[in-house]
């Protein structure tokens, strides 16, 4: 089973997603040609996003490595990036069964009306497999690994329901869609709490800065494209040790700036392909469920956050946080993680943060700063277990992506910096049965709350439909 799933996962999201969505489209009644077209657009979207993020990594990586060498930065947790984390996740005993197990949990929660999300974002199931694999290797127990993965899945589905209304109202063309990706969902409660706190600060609560407003007020200076160029040029200058060296390396510095600007400009264009490909599948799925299942009104289709990472505020804040994150990694006492390869995943911090900040750049930046600061410590804390899992996968597969240099431990911003991942790890690995009991109580409490909320919404919907019927009569 591990070999079968390892082969399927080895195809990559760009191949998996077209196949999955084409088959799914045909099964829900879409014509083969239309289903194939939607699936291919999703696959092309993943290819485009991979190319853009690879451009960011290839351009920024050497420059940041030069900065590390120039300033003698030595941190022992090696940044492996999210592809390595996904490989570790799926190439373990937990990852081999994670998709059917999670689909079964999703079905059970739908039948018991403890969720309204149908999670078809199968590629991102690697997040659940990741926490399961890390717990598995830390505890040497497969049962604990699956326990952590299932609790993570339950909590994520409920959080997806809780954020669905705000998500759909903030982003355009997202009706009936929710985001059940734990890396994004795990930040939503903290975004809500921090945003509430920021609203209580006199003066700060009056500042309204959104990406569109920046464009109007500052013109080209407020464009993500221009900010990308500026940040790229700034990082390029840091790779030089004197003014003469800066002058000699002007072509390289300007090239880095242009590449950073290109990333900021291309990501929104690529995400359009995701929307074009996924929307027909989403609409057809909701129509089928509404026809086949009583009381299915209000169901959301769980999709990838890649749909919305092209929002201007996400781009601007992610870009500004890249140099800040590097500075924090160096100056924070006790931190051992220097993010380099993971910086391309910075965009995924914010899809469920923006609906709470309403796209406010300043508030989003502050929330991102707090999240990143805590995340660096979380990655450092989980690194030993991540390293055990990576070594095991490397011995079994020989995959160079999970090879950790001698003398280092492994880490990744995504999903290891998520508070949801860290809490699950601490409760299962360190608190054992007490922690497990707390997690079960929290998960059951969230499901009960969600069921009450779902029932109330259904009663309200029935009442409204009844009132409309009476008016028509």
Protein backbone atom coordinates (compact mmCIF):
# COMPACT_ATOMS: atom_id res chain seq x y z
CA UNK A 1 0.00 0.00 0.00
CA UNK A 2 2.85 2.38 0.83
CA UNK A 3 4.41 1.68 -2.57
CA UNK A 4 1.13 2.21 -4.41
CA UNK A 5 0.47 5.56 -2.74
CA UNK A 6 4.12 6.56 -3.04
CA UNK A 7 3.87 5.99 -6.80
CA UNK A 8 0.62 7.96 -7.09
CA UNK A 9 1.93 10.83 -4.96
CA UNK A 10 5.18 10.73 -6.92
CA UNK A 11 3.23 11.82 -9.98
CA UNK A 12 2.89 15.23 -8.32
CA UNK A 13 -0.08 17.56 -7.97
CA UNK A 14 0.17 18.68 -11.61
CA UNK A 15 -0.62 15.12 -12.79
CA UNK A 16 -2.78 13.96 -9.88
CA UNK A 17 -5.22 16.85 -9.93
CA UNK A 18 -6.23 16.65 -13.63
CA UNK A 19 -6.86 12.91 -13.26
CA UNK A 20 -8.79 13.31 -10.00
CA UNK A 21 -10.93 16.19 -11.22
CA UNK A 22 -11.59 14.62 -14.62
CA UNK A 23 -12.82 11.39 -13.01
CA UNK A 24 -14.76 13.35 -10.39
CA UNK A 25 -16.33 15.55 -13.06
CA UNK A 26 -17.55 12.57 -15.09
CA UNK A 27 -18.90 10.88 -11.94
CA UNK A 28 -20.98 13.94 -11.02
CA UNK A 29 -22.48 14.27 -14.48
CA UNK A 30 -20.20 16.66 -16.36
CA UNK A 31 -19.47 15.76 -19.99
CA UNK A 32 -16.08 14.07 -20.46
CA UNK A 33 -14.73 16.91 -22.61
CA UNK A 34 -15.76 19.58 -20.11
CA UNK A 35 -14.45 17.55 -17.15
CA UNK A 36 -11.14 16.97 -18.93
CA UNK A 37 -10.85 20.67 -19.74
CA UNK A 38 -11.46 21.62 -16.09
CA UNK A 39 -8.96 19.03 -14.88
CA UNK A 40 -6.30 20.17 -17.33
CA UNK A 41 -6.75 23.81 -16.30
CA UNK A 42 -6.19 22.81 -12.68
CA UNK A 43 -3.08 20.86 -13.72
CA UNK A 44 -1.78 23.79 -15.76
CA UNK A 45 -2.47 26.03 -12.77
CA UNK A 46 -0.31 23.81 -10.55
CA UNK A 47 2.44 23.80 -13.20
CA UNK A 48 2.28 27.59 -13.46
CA UNK A 49 2.37 28.00 -9.70
CA UNK A 50 5.29 25.57 -9.43
CA UNK A 51 7.20 27.51 -12.09
CA UNK A 52 6.58 30.84 -10.37
CA UNK A 53 7.53 29.58 -6.91
CA UNK A 54 10.56 27.82 -8.40
CA UNK A 55 11.55 31.16 -9.92
CA UNK A 56 11.25 32.74 -6.48
CA UNK A 57 13.30 29.97 -4.86
CA UNK A 58 15.98 29.81 -7.57
CA UNK A 59 16.39 33.59 -7.66
CA UNK A 60 16.16 34.23 -3.94
CA UNK A 61 17.92 31.08 -2.70
CA UNK A 62 21.48 31.85 -3.86
CA UNK A 63 21.15 35.49 -2.77
CA UNK A 64 19.99 34.52 0.71
CA UNK A 65 22.70 31.85 0.92
CA UNK A 66 25.26 34.56 0.17
CA UNK A 67 23.79 36.70 2.95
CA UNK A 68 24.05 33.71 5.32
CA UNK A 69 27.73 33.22 4.43
CA UNK A 70 28.64 36.93 4.54
CA UNK A 71 27.16 37.47 7.97
CA UNK A 72 28.16 34.06 9.33
CA UNK A 73 24.65 32.88 10.18
CA UNK A 74 24.73 29.36 11.66
CA UNK A 75 21.43 27.71 12.58
CA UNK A 76 21.19 23.93 12.94
CA UNK A 77 17.66 23.31 11.54
CA UNK A 78 17.96 22.94 7.76
CA UNK A 79 15.03 24.28 5.71
CA UNK A 80 13.81 21.45 3.49
CA UNK A 81 10.76 23.24 2.07
CA UNK A 82 7.21 21.95 1.73
CA UNK A 83 7.94 19.45 -1.12
CA UNK A 84 10.21 17.52 1.26
CA UNK A 85 7.59 17.72 4.00
CA UNK A 86 4.97 16.32 1.59
CA UNK A 87 7.34 13.52 0.58
CA UNK A 88 7.95 12.64 4.22
CA UNK A 89 4.20 12.71 4.86
CA UNK A 90 3.10 10.41 2.05
CA UNK A 91 6.01 7.95 2.12
CA UNK A 92 5.18 6.59 5.57
CA UNK A 93 2.70 4.05 6.91
CA UNK A 94 0.39 6.92 7.94
CA UNK A 95 0.56 8.56 4.53
CA UNK A 96 -0.24 5.29 2.74
CA UNK A 97 -3.73 5.17 4.24
CA UNK A 98 -4.41 8.83 4.95
CA UNK A 99 -6.64 9.53 1.93
CA UNK A 100 -9.19 6.69 2.46
CA UNK A 101 -9.16 7.24 6.24
CA UNK A 102 -9.83 10.98 5.92
CA UNK A 103 -12.49 10.47 3.25
CA UNK A 104 -14.23 8.04 5.62
CA UNK A 105 -14.10 10.58 8.47
CA UNK A 106 -15.47 13.28 6.15
CA UNK A 107 -18.38 11.04 5.11
CA UNK A 108 -19.17 10.15 8.73
CA UNK A 109 -19.17 13.82 9.74
CA UNK A 110 -21.45 14.70 6.84
CA UNK A 111 -23.90 11.95 7.83
CA UNK A 112 -23.89 13.12 11.46
CA UNK A 113 -24.19 16.75 10.35
CA UNK A 114 -21.05 17.77 12.21
CA UNK A 115 -19.57 19.34 9.08
CA UNK A 116 -20.87 20.97 5.91
CA UNK A 117 -17.60 20.71 3.99
CA UNK A 118 -16.99 18.09 1.30
CA UNK A 119 -13.20 18.09 1.16
CA UNK A 120 -12.03 17.24 -2.36
CA UNK A 121 -8.64 18.98 -1.96
CA UNK A 122 -6.95 15.56 -1.98
CA UNK A 123 -3.43 16.77 -2.69
CA UNK A 124 -3.30 18.79 0.53
CA UNK A 125 -4.18 15.71 2.57
CA UNK A 126 -0.40 15.50 2.95
CA UNK A 127 -0.73 17.98 5.85
CA UNK A 128 -2.72 15.43 7.85
CA UNK A 129 -0.25 12.71 6.90
CA UNK A 130 2.62 14.99 7.96
CA UNK A 131 1.48 15.50 11.55
CA UNK A 132 0.59 11.81 11.71
CA UNK A 133 4.06 10.81 10.48
CA UNK A 134 5.87 13.16 12.87
CA UNK A 135 3.86 11.82 15.83
CA UNK A 136 4.38 8.25 14.62
CA UNK A 137 8.16 8.56 14.61
CA UNK A 138 8.27 10.54 17.87
CA UNK A 139 6.12 7.97 19.74
CA UNK A 140 7.05 4.86 17.72
CA UNK A 141 3.33 4.12 17.60
CA UNK A 142 1.27 3.96 14.41
CA UNK A 143 -1.94 4.28 16.45
CA UNK A 144 -0.82 7.62 17.91
CA UNK A 145 0.11 8.78 14.40
CA UNK A 146 -3.36 8.06 13.01
CA UNK A 147 -4.97 9.56 16.11
CA UNK A 148 -3.14 12.85 15.55
CA UNK A 149 -3.96 12.88 11.84
CA UNK A 150 -7.68 12.20 12.41
CA UNK A 151 -8.00 14.85 15.15
CA UNK A 152 -6.25 17.32 12.84
CA UNK A 153 -8.72 16.46 10.06
CA UNK A 154 -11.79 16.86 12.29
CA UNK A 155 -10.62 20.21 13.67
CA UNK A 156 -9.77 21.43 10.16
CA UNK A 157 -13.21 20.55 8.76
CA UNK A 158 -14.94 22.42 11.58
CA UNK A 159 -12.65 25.43 11.12
CA UNK A 160 -13.41 25.34 7.39
CA UNK A 161 -17.13 25.54 8.23
CA UNK A 162 -16.58 28.34 10.74
CA UNK A 163 -14.66 30.45 8.22
CA UNK A 164 -16.68 29.58 5.11
CA UNK A 165 -19.13 32.51 5.36
CA UNK A 166 -16.38 35.11 5.84
CA UNK A 167 -14.24 33.50 3.15
CA UNK A 168 -17.05 33.49 0.59
CA UNK A 169 -18.02 37.08 1.36
CA UNK A 170 -14.50 38.46 1.20
CA UNK A 171 -13.24 36.78 -1.96
CA UNK A 172 -15.09 37.16 -5.24
CA UNK A 173 -16.48 34.16 -7.13
CA UNK A 174 -16.03 31.81 -4.16
CA UNK A 175 -19.66 30.99 -3.40
CA UNK A 176 -20.04 27.50 -1.93
CA UNK A 177 -16.30 27.04 -1.36
CA UNK A 178 -14.37 26.60 1.89
CA UNK A 179 -10.68 26.02 2.69
CA UNK A 180 -10.09 22.79 4.70
CA UNK A 181 -6.30 23.01 4.50
CA UNK A 182 -4.93 22.80 8.08
CA UNK A 183 -1.99 25.13 7.50
CA UNK A 184 -4.39 27.95 6.57
CA UNK A 185 -7.22 26.95 8.91
CA UNK A 186 -4.90 26.72 11.92
CA UNK A 187 -4.23 30.46 11.76
CA UNK A 188 -7.90 31.53 11.59
CA UNK A 189 -8.60 31.55 15.38
CA UNK A 190 -5.43 33.54 16.02
CA UNK A 191 -6.29 35.97 13.23
CA UNK A 192 -9.70 36.52 14.82
CA UNK A 193 -8.25 37.07 18.32
CA UNK A 194 -5.37 39.33 17.22
CA UNK A 195 -7.61 41.33 14.90
CA UNK A 196 -10.06 41.92 17.77
CA UNK A 197 -7.16 43.11 19.91
CA UNK A 198 -5.91 45.47 17.18
CA UNK A 199 -9.41 46.95 16.89
CA UNK A 200 -9.17 47.97 20.56
CA UNK A 201 -6.00 50.05 20.04
CA UNK A 202 -6.84 53.74 19.57
CA UNK A 203 -5.46 55.12 16.34
CA UNK A 204 -4.54 51.76 14.91
CA UNK A 205 -8.21 50.84 14.53
CA UNK A 206 -8.68 53.90 12.31
CA UNK A 207 -5.94 53.03 9.85
CA UNK A 208 -7.38 51.53 6.70
CA UNK A 209 -4.70 50.41 4.23
CA UNK A 210 -5.62 47.87 1.60
CA UNK A 211 -3.68 46.89 -1.50
CA UNK A 212 -6.07 48.68 -3.86
CA UNK A 213 -5.91 51.79 -1.69
CA UNK A 214 -2.11 51.66 -1.83
CA UNK A 215 -2.26 51.63 -5.60
CA UNK A 216 -4.54 54.67 -5.68
CA UNK A 217 -2.56 56.63 -3.09
CA UNK A 218 0.99 55.78 -4.12
CA UNK A 219 0.51 54.90 -7.78
CA UNK A 220 3.18 52.55 -9.05
CA UNK A 221 4.89 52.68 -5.63
CA UNK A 222 1.93 50.77 -4.19
CA UNK A 223 1.93 48.05 -6.84
CA UNK A 224 2.99 44.53 -5.73
CA UNK A 225 5.05 44.41 -8.94
CA UNK A 226 7.07 47.49 -7.93
CA UNK A 227 7.41 46.37 -4.31
CA UNK A 228 8.75 43.05 -5.54
CA UNK A 229 11.41 44.83 -7.56
CA UNK A 230 12.37 47.03 -4.59
CA UNK A 231 12.65 44.13 -2.14
CA UNK A 232 14.60 42.07 -4.67
CA UNK A 233 17.05 44.91 -5.28
CA UNK A 234 17.40 45.43 -1.51
CA UNK A 235 18.24 41.76 -0.90
CA UNK A 236 20.63 41.85 -3.84
CA UNK A 237 22.46 44.77 -2.24
CA UNK A 238 22.81 42.80 1.01
CA UNK A 239 24.83 40.17 -0.85
CA UNK A 240 27.55 42.77 -1.42
CA UNK A 241 30.06 43.88 1.22
CA UNK A 242 31.01 47.27 -0.25
CA UNK A 243 29.72 50.05 -2.51
CA UNK A 244 32.21 49.04 -5.19
CA UNK A 245 30.87 45.49 -5.14
CA UNK A 246 27.31 46.81 -5.45
CA UNK A 247 28.33 48.81 -8.54
CA UNK A 248 30.05 45.78 -10.06
CA UNK A 249 26.99 43.56 -9.44
CA UNK A 250 24.30 45.97 -10.66
CA UNK A 251 23.16 43.55 -13.45
CA UNK A 252 22.68 40.70 -10.94
CA UNK A 253 20.97 42.97 -8.42
CA UNK A 254 18.56 44.36 -11.00
CA UNK A 255 17.91 40.85 -12.35
CA UNK A 256 16.92 39.68 -8.86
CA UNK A 257 14.61 42.67 -8.52
CA UNK A 258 12.91 41.96 -11.85
CA UNK A 259 12.46 38.28 -10.96
CA UNK A 260 10.87 39.17 -7.60
CA UNK A 261 8.57 41.59 -9.39
CA UNK A 262 7.68 38.90 -11.91
CA UNK A 263 6.65 36.53 -9.10
CA UNK A 264 4.33 39.20 -7.64
CA UNK A 265 2.77 39.83 -11.04
CA UNK A 266 2.46 36.25 -12.27
CA UNK A 267 0.92 34.58 -9.21
CA UNK A 268 -2.48 36.38 -9.56
CA UNK A 269 -2.57 35.48 -13.25
CA UNK A 270 -1.85 31.82 -12.55
CA UNK A 271 -4.55 31.57 -9.87
CA UNK A 272 -7.14 32.54 -12.49
CA UNK A 273 -6.57 29.11 -14.07
CA UNK A 274 -7.40 27.41 -10.77
CA UNK A 275 -10.67 29.31 -10.55
CA UNK A 276 -11.61 28.54 -14.16
CA UNK A 277 -10.83 24.85 -13.68
CA UNK A 278 -12.33 24.30 -10.23
CA UNK A 279 -15.51 26.36 -10.49
CA UNK A 280 -17.40 23.99 -12.89
CA UNK A 281 -16.48 21.04 -10.64
CA UNK A 282 -17.58 22.93 -7.53
CA UNK A 283 -20.90 24.02 -9.08
CA UNK A 284 -21.69 20.54 -10.39
CA UNK A 285 -20.79 18.89 -7.06
CA UNK A 286 -23.09 21.21 -5.10
CA UNK A 287 -25.92 20.66 -7.61
CA UNK A 288 -25.58 16.88 -7.40
CA UNK A 289 -25.49 16.88 -3.59
CA UNK A 290 -28.51 19.19 -3.45
CA UNK A 291 -30.46 16.78 -5.68
CA UNK A 292 -29.42 13.56 -4.00
CA UNK A 293 -29.28 14.44 -0.32
CA UNK A 294 -32.04 15.94 1.79
CA UNK A 295 -31.02 19.02 3.71
CA UNK A 296 -27.84 19.44 1.66
CA UNK A 297 -28.36 23.19 1.27
CA UNK A 298 -25.42 25.10 2.62
CA UNK A 299 -22.78 22.49 1.86
CA UNK A 300 -19.35 23.83 0.93
CA UNK A 301 -16.83 22.24 -1.37
CA UNK A 302 -13.34 22.12 0.17
CA UNK A 303 -10.78 23.53 -2.23
CA UNK A 304 -7.09 24.42 -2.29
CA UNK A 305 -6.04 27.84 -0.91
CA UNK A 306 -4.07 28.24 -4.15
CA UNK A 307 -7.34 29.68 -5.49
CA UNK A 308 -6.84 32.95 -3.61
CA UNK A 309 -3.12 33.40 -2.90
CA UNK A 310 -2.99 35.94 -5.73
CA UNK A 311 -4.91 38.53 -3.67
CA UNK A 312 -2.91 41.81 -3.68
CA UNK A 313 -2.79 42.05 0.13
CA UNK A 314 -1.41 38.51 0.40
CA UNK A 315 1.28 39.34 -2.14
CA UNK A 316 2.30 42.63 -0.51
CA UNK A 317 2.41 41.28 3.06
CA UNK A 318 4.20 38.07 2.05
CA UNK A 319 6.80 40.08 0.20
CA UNK A 320 7.40 42.44 3.12
CA UNK A 321 7.65 39.54 5.57
CA UNK A 322 10.42 37.74 3.66
CA UNK A 323 13.28 40.02 4.82
CA UNK A 324 11.64 40.48 8.23
CA UNK A 325 11.47 36.69 8.69
CA UNK A 326 15.18 36.35 7.91
CA UNK A 327 15.99 39.04 10.46
CA UNK A 328 13.79 37.37 13.09
CA UNK A 329 15.42 33.99 12.46
CA UNK A 330 18.80 35.50 13.25
CA UNK A 331 17.96 37.65 16.27
CA UNK A 332 15.36 35.55 18.12
CA UNK A 333 17.01 33.80 21.09
CA UNK A 334 16.55 30.03 21.02
CA UNK A 335 15.48 29.83 17.38
CA UNK A 336 17.48 27.36 15.27
CA UNK A 337 15.50 27.52 12.00
CA UNK A 338 16.58 29.69 9.06
CA UNK A 339 13.84 29.66 6.42
CA UNK A 340 15.11 29.73 2.85
CA UNK A 341 13.35 27.12 0.68
CA UNK A 342 10.14 27.58 2.70
CA UNK A 343 9.79 31.27 1.87
CA UNK A 344 7.87 30.39 -1.30
CA UNK A 345 5.12 29.04 0.96
CA UNK A 346 4.72 32.37 2.77
CA UNK A 347 1.70 33.19 0.60
CA UNK A 348 -0.30 30.35 2.17
CA UNK A 349 -0.31 31.95 5.61
CA UNK A 350 -2.98 34.47 4.67
CA UNK A 351 -5.97 33.04 2.73
CA UNK A 352 -8.05 32.74 5.96
CA UNK A 353 -6.45 35.74 7.67
CA UNK A 354 -7.62 38.33 5.11
CA UNK A 355 -11.36 37.73 5.68
CA UNK A 356 -10.87 38.83 9.32
CA UNK A 357 -8.67 41.85 8.54
CA UNK A 358 -10.81 42.70 5.48
CA UNK A 359 -7.64 42.97 3.45
CA UNK A 360 -6.08 45.62 5.69
CA UNK A 361 -2.36 45.52 4.89
CA UNK A 362 -1.18 46.83 8.28
CA UNK A 363 -3.31 44.46 10.36
CA UNK A 364 -2.43 41.51 8.12
CA UNK A 365 1.27 42.33 8.43
CA UNK A 366 1.07 42.49 12.24
CA UNK A 367 -0.78 39.17 12.41
CA UNK A 368 1.73 37.63 10.00
CA UNK A 369 4.63 38.94 12.09
CA UNK A 370 3.21 37.36 15.26
CA UNK A 371 2.47 34.08 13.47
CA UNK A 372 5.94 33.88 11.92
CA UNK A 373 7.67 34.68 15.21
CA UNK A 374 5.85 31.85 16.99
CA UNK A 375 6.23 29.59 13.94
CA UNK A 376 10.03 29.74 13.98
CA UNK A 377 10.06 28.37 17.52
CA UNK A 378 7.52 25.68 16.62
CA UNK A 379 9.63 24.46 13.69
CA UNK A 380 12.69 24.34 15.99
CA UNK A 381 10.74 22.35 18.57
CA UNK A 382 9.40 19.74 16.13
CA UNK A 383 12.66 19.42 14.16
CA UNK A 384 13.95 16.24 15.94
CA UNK A 385 10.83 14.23 15.07
CA UNK A 386 10.76 15.66 11.53
CA UNK A 387 14.38 14.55 11.15
CA UNK A 388 13.61 10.98 12.27
CA UNK A 389 10.81 10.73 9.70
CA UNK A 390 12.95 12.24 6.92
CA UNK A 391 15.84 9.84 7.62
CA UNK A 392 13.48 6.86 7.50
CA UNK A 393 11.95 7.96 4.19
CA UNK A 394 15.40 8.64 2.70
CA UNK A 395 16.62 5.16 3.70
CA UNK A 396 13.54 3.59 2.12
CA UNK A 397 13.29 5.65 -1.08
CA UNK A 398 16.65 7.35 -1.63
CA UNK A 399 14.74 10.52 -2.49
CA UNK A 400 17.27 13.37 -2.50
CA UNK A 401 14.50 15.83 -1.59
CA UNK A 402 14.41 14.44 1.96
CA UNK A 403 18.17 14.17 2.44
CA UNK A 404 19.31 16.25 5.42
CA UNK A 405 22.94 17.47 5.46
CA UNK A 406 25.21 15.95 8.08
CA UNK A 407 25.04 17.75 11.42
CA UNK A 408 21.66 19.38 10.71
CA UNK A 409 18.06 18.68 11.63
CA UNK A 410 15.17 19.12 9.21
CA UNK A 411 12.37 21.67 9.25
CA UNK A 412 9.80 23.42 7.07
CA UNK A 413 7.63 26.50 7.40
CA UNK A 414 4.66 24.57 6.01
CA UNK A 415 3.11 22.72 8.02
CA UNK A 416 5.54 22.56 10.93
CA UNK A 417 5.10 26.25 11.83
CA UNK A 418 1.35 25.91 12.28
CA UNK A 419 -0.01 26.24 15.84
CA UNK A 420 -2.44 23.41 15.07
CA UNK A 421 0.45 21.10 14.19
CA UNK A 422 2.43 22.13 17.28
CA UNK A 423 -0.49 21.66 19.70
CA UNK A 424 -1.24 18.19 18.31
CA UNK A 425 2.43 17.24 18.59
CA UNK A 426 2.75 18.44 22.20
CA UNK A 427 -0.48 16.79 23.34
CA UNK A 428 0.27 13.39 21.83
CA UNK A 429 4.05 13.15 22.23
CA UNK A 430 4.61 14.89 25.57
CA UNK A 431 1.26 14.73 27.40
CA UNK A 432 0.25 11.31 26.05
CA UNK A 433 -3.13 10.15 27.45
CA UNK A 434 -3.89 13.42 29.23
CA UNK A 435 -3.19 15.33 26.02
CA UNK A 436 -5.20 12.83 24.00
CA UNK A 437 -8.14 13.29 26.36
CA UNK A 438 -7.95 17.07 25.96
CA UNK A 439 -7.82 16.74 22.17
CA UNK A 440 -10.83 14.40 22.12
CA UNK A 441 -12.83 16.82 24.29
CA UNK A 442 -11.90 19.75 22.05
CA UNK A 443 -12.70 17.84 18.83
CA UNK A 444 -16.05 16.55 20.19
CA UNK A 445 -16.91 20.01 21.52
CA UNK A 446 -16.20 21.59 18.14
CA UNK A 447 -18.29 18.96 16.35
CA UNK A 448 -21.18 19.45 18.77
CA UNK A 449 -20.99 23.24 18.38
CA UNK A 450 -20.87 22.87 14.61
CA UNK A 451 -23.87 20.50 14.58
CA UNK A 452 -25.93 22.98 16.65
CA UNK A 453 -24.90 25.79 14.32
CA UNK A 454 -25.75 23.71 11.21
CA UNK A 455 -29.18 22.76 12.63
CA UNK A 456 -29.93 26.41 13.44
CA UNK A 457 -28.99 27.50 9.93
CA UNK A 458 -31.18 24.80 8.41
CA UNK A 459 -34.15 25.89 10.55
CA UNK A 460 -33.61 29.49 9.49
CA UNK A 461 -33.43 28.44 5.85
CA UNK A 462 -36.64 26.39 6.13
CA UNK A 463 -38.38 29.33 7.83
CA UNK A 464 -37.30 31.74 5.09
CA UNK A 465 -38.44 29.36 2.35
CA UNK A 466 -41.79 28.94 4.14
CA UNK A 467 -42.23 32.72 4.38
CA UNK A 468 -41.48 33.11 0.68
CA UNK A 469 -44.00 30.37 -0.16
CA UNK A 470 -46.70 32.13 1.92
CA UNK A 471 -45.97 35.43 0.14
CA UNK A 472 -46.30 33.75 -3.27
CA UNK A 473 -49.61 32.16 -2.23
